[in-house]
């Protein structure tokens, strides 16, 4: 069973953004951008978020 549904509703997306921000230290805007580009694959989101954070 995946961590989040493939296409989260508005509430699910907010929770996903908040989780990504909390666990990786990126901004909410960056998290939303990543979800828009990558979808909701958690491992891909975390990988890219960590790369974003190190580039700051």
Protein backbone atom coordinates (compact mmCIF):
# COMPACT_ATOMS: atom_id res chain seq x y z
CA UNK A 1 0.00 0.00 0.00
CA UNK A 2 1.54 3.38 -1.00
CA UNK A 3 2.18 6.21 1.45
CA UNK A 4 -0.25 8.49 -0.39
CA UNK A 5 -2.81 7.99 -3.13
CA UNK A 6 -1.66 8.48 -6.73
CA UNK A 7 -3.78 11.61 -7.16
CA UNK A 8 -4.49 13.17 -3.78
CA UNK A 9 -7.45 15.45 -3.37
CA UNK A 10 -6.93 19.02 -2.12
CA UNK A 11 -6.69 17.94 1.50
CA UNK A 12 -4.33 15.08 0.68
CA UNK A 13 -2.11 17.37 -1.34
CA UNK A 14 -1.88 19.85 1.55
CA UNK A 15 -0.86 17.01 3.86
CA UNK A 16 1.73 15.83 1.37
CA UNK A 17 3.15 19.35 1.04
CA UNK A 18 3.34 19.75 4.81
CA UNK A 19 5.03 16.36 5.22
CA UNK A 20 7.58 17.15 2.51
CA UNK A 21 8.34 20.56 4.05
CA UNK A 22 8.74 19.08 7.54
CA UNK A 23 10.91 16.15 6.50
CA UNK A 24 13.16 17.93 4.02
CA UNK A 25 13.28 21.60 5.00
CA UNK A 26 12.16 23.02 1.66
CA UNK A 27 9.51 25.72 1.32
CA UNK A 28 5.83 25.06 0.64
CA UNK A 29 6.16 26.67 -2.79
CA UNK A 30 9.09 24.40 -3.65
CA UNK A 31 7.13 21.38 -2.41
CA UNK A 32 4.11 22.30 -4.53
CA UNK A 33 6.33 22.79 -7.58
CA UNK A 34 7.90 19.36 -7.07
CA UNK A 35 4.52 17.66 -6.69
CA UNK A 36 3.29 19.39 -9.84
CA UNK A 37 6.30 18.18 -11.83
CA UNK A 38 6.92 14.75 -10.29
CA UNK A 39 3.52 13.65 -9.06
CA UNK A 40 3.17 12.01 -5.66
CA UNK A 41 5.95 9.43 -5.73
CA UNK A 42 7.36 9.94 -2.24
CA UNK A 43 10.90 8.70 -2.87
CA UNK A 44 11.26 10.93 -5.94
CA UNK A 45 9.89 13.93 -4.05
CA UNK A 46 12.28 13.43 -1.14
CA UNK A 47 15.27 12.91 -3.44
CA UNK A 48 14.58 16.10 -5.39
CA UNK A 49 13.71 18.09 -2.26
CA UNK A 50 17.05 17.16 -0.70
CA UNK A 51 18.83 18.24 -3.87
CA UNK A 52 16.97 21.58 -3.78
CA UNK A 53 17.88 22.10 -0.15
CA UNK A 54 21.61 21.51 -0.75
CA UNK A 55 21.65 23.97 -3.66
CA UNK A 56 20.54 26.89 -1.50
